[in-house]
Amino acid sequence: MTVEQTGVVDIISTDPLSGEVRLTIPDHLEWSPEHLIMLQEKINSYVRFIESGEIFSSYPEAQGRRLVINVAILRRPGELGTQFLEMASALVEAAGFGCRYGPLAGTYAEDGG
């Protein structure tokens, strides 16, 4: 699954340390205006998945836990990408859910990751 499949929830897991449920969007694309549109649609799909309660039928372990949308990105976002991610995070958090973003594999591809 990828960010390009905007209607699909890719990865759901429970963090063993915090107990929070993470809904992860793996994002491998180069940053562009089209990419931002896809990522916005993908994040919106995740929010709808949570708000509809579908998460609890798909992943019953989520019941009673903090829900966090995690955008795991391969490529370092530029200024526009960073602004978008900060704004998206604020909107997701305003809806009552956590939101994080950062490197897919601990480091960005440009940094040798």
Protein backbone atom coordinates (compact mmCIF):
# COMPACT_ATOMS: atom_id res chain seq x y z
CA MET A 1 0.00 0.00 0.00
CA THR A 2 1.11 3.55 -0.58
CA VAL A 3 0.05 7.15 -0.26
CA GLU A 4 -1.19 6.86 -3.85
CA GLN A 5 -4.03 4.57 -2.75
CA THR A 6 -5.93 7.32 -0.99
CA GLY A 7 -8.91 5.22 0.08
CA VAL A 8 -6.90 2.48 1.80
CA VAL A 9 -5.67 2.38 5.41
CA ASP A 10 -2.20 0.89 5.06
CA ILE A 11 -0.85 -0.05 8.49
CA ILE A 12 -2.46 -0.23 11.93
CA SER A 13 -0.33 -1.18 14.91
CA THR A 14 -0.13 -0.74 18.66
CA ASP A 15 3.00 0.87 20.06
CA PRO A 16 4.27 -1.50 22.77
CA LEU A 17 5.65 1.32 24.94
CA SER A 18 2.91 3.96 24.82
CA GLY A 19 -0.04 1.68 24.03
CA GLU A 20 -1.25 4.13 21.40
CA VAL A 21 -2.68 2.82 18.15
CA ARG A 22 -0.83 4.14 15.13
CA LEU A 23 -2.36 4.34 11.69
CA THR A 24 0.65 4.71 9.43
CA ILE A 25 0.79 6.24 5.97
CA PRO A 26 4.00 5.12 4.21
CA ASP A 27 4.94 7.94 1.85
CA HIS A 28 7.69 7.36 -0.69
CA LEU A 29 6.90 10.12 -3.20
CA GLU A 30 8.92 13.16 -4.25
CA TRP A 31 7.40 16.39 -2.94
CA SER A 32 5.19 18.16 -5.49
CA PRO A 33 1.80 19.89 -5.54
CA GLU A 34 0.20 16.64 -6.79
CA HIS A 35 1.82 14.74 -3.93
CA LEU A 36 0.36 17.18 -1.39
CA ILE A 37 -3.13 16.65 -2.83
CA MET A 38 -2.76 12.86 -2.59
CA LEU A 39 -1.42 13.09 0.95
CA GLN A 40 -4.29 15.36 1.98
CA GLU A 41 -6.80 12.87 0.55
CA LYS A 42 -5.03 10.01 2.33
CA ILE A 43 -5.05 11.80 5.69
CA ASN A 44 -8.73 12.66 5.21
CA SER A 45 -9.46 8.96 4.54
CA TYR A 46 -7.72 8.01 7.77
CA VAL A 47 -9.71 10.58 9.74
CA ARG A 48 -12.97 9.29 8.23
CA PHE A 49 -11.93 5.71 9.07
CA ILE A 50 -11.47 6.73 12.70
CA GLU A 51 -14.51 9.01 13.00
CA SER A 52 -16.83 6.44 11.44
CA GLY A 53 -15.81 3.89 14.07
CA GLU A 54 -14.66 1.52 11.36
CA ILE A 55 -11.29 1.30 13.08
CA PHE A 56 -12.89 -0.53 16.01
CA SER A 57 -14.39 -3.24 13.82
CA SER A 58 -11.16 -3.60 11.82
CA TYR A 59 -8.83 -3.37 14.81
CA PRO A 60 -10.71 -4.03 18.08
CA GLU A 61 -7.50 -3.45 20.06
CA ALA A 62 -7.97 0.27 19.31
CA GLN A 63 -10.87 0.54 21.74
CA GLY A 64 -10.00 2.94 24.57
CA ARG A 65 -6.57 3.81 23.20
CA ARG A 66 -5.12 7.05 21.86
CA LEU A 67 -5.30 7.04 18.05
CA VAL A 68 -2.42 8.59 16.12
CA ILE A 69 -2.03 9.12 12.39
CA ASN A 70 1.64 8.63 11.57
CA VAL A 71 2.97 9.89 8.23
CA ALA A 72 6.22 8.02 7.56
CA ILE A 73 7.99 9.87 4.76
CA LEU A 74 10.93 8.70 2.66
CA ARG A 75 12.02 12.08 1.30
CA ARG A 76 12.81 15.18 3.33
CA PRO A 77 9.98 17.69 2.91
CA GLY A 78 10.91 21.15 1.72
CA GLU A 79 9.39 24.31 3.11
CA LEU A 80 6.02 23.76 1.43
CA GLY A 81 5.91 20.10 2.54
CA THR A 82 6.80 21.02 6.11
CA GLN A 83 4.12 23.73 6.20
CA PHE A 84 1.56 21.25 4.87
CA LEU A 85 2.52 18.58 7.42
CA GLU A 86 2.36 21.07 10.30
CA MET A 87 -1.06 22.32 9.19
CA ALA A 88 -2.39 18.79 8.65
CA SER A 89 -1.10 17.75 12.09
CA ALA A 90 -2.86 20.70 13.73
CA LEU A 91 -6.15 19.85 11.99
CA VAL A 92 -5.96 16.16 12.91
CA GLU A 93 -5.18 17.05 16.51
CA ALA A 94 -8.07 19.54 16.56
CA ALA A 95 -10.31 16.61 15.56
CA GLY A 96 -9.14 14.82 18.71
CA PHE A 97 -6.50 12.48 17.34
CA GLY A 98 -2.74 12.49 17.42
CA CYS A 99 -0.66 13.16 14.33
CA ARG A 100 3.04 12.70 13.74
CA TYR A 101 5.33 12.77 10.76
CA GLY A 102 8.94 11.89 10.23
CA PRO A 103 11.40 9.73 8.33
CA LEU A 104 10.16 6.36 7.13
CA ALA A 105 13.25 4.41 8.16
CA GLY A 106 14.74 6.63 10.84
CA THR A 107 16.45 8.87 8.31
CA TYR A 108 15.48 10.52 5.04
CA ALA A 109 16.62 9.02 1.72
CA GLU A 110 18.69 12.12 0.99
CA ASP A 111 20.61 11.53 4.23
CA GLY A 112 21.64 8.03 3.19
CA GLY A 113 18.59 6.23 4.62
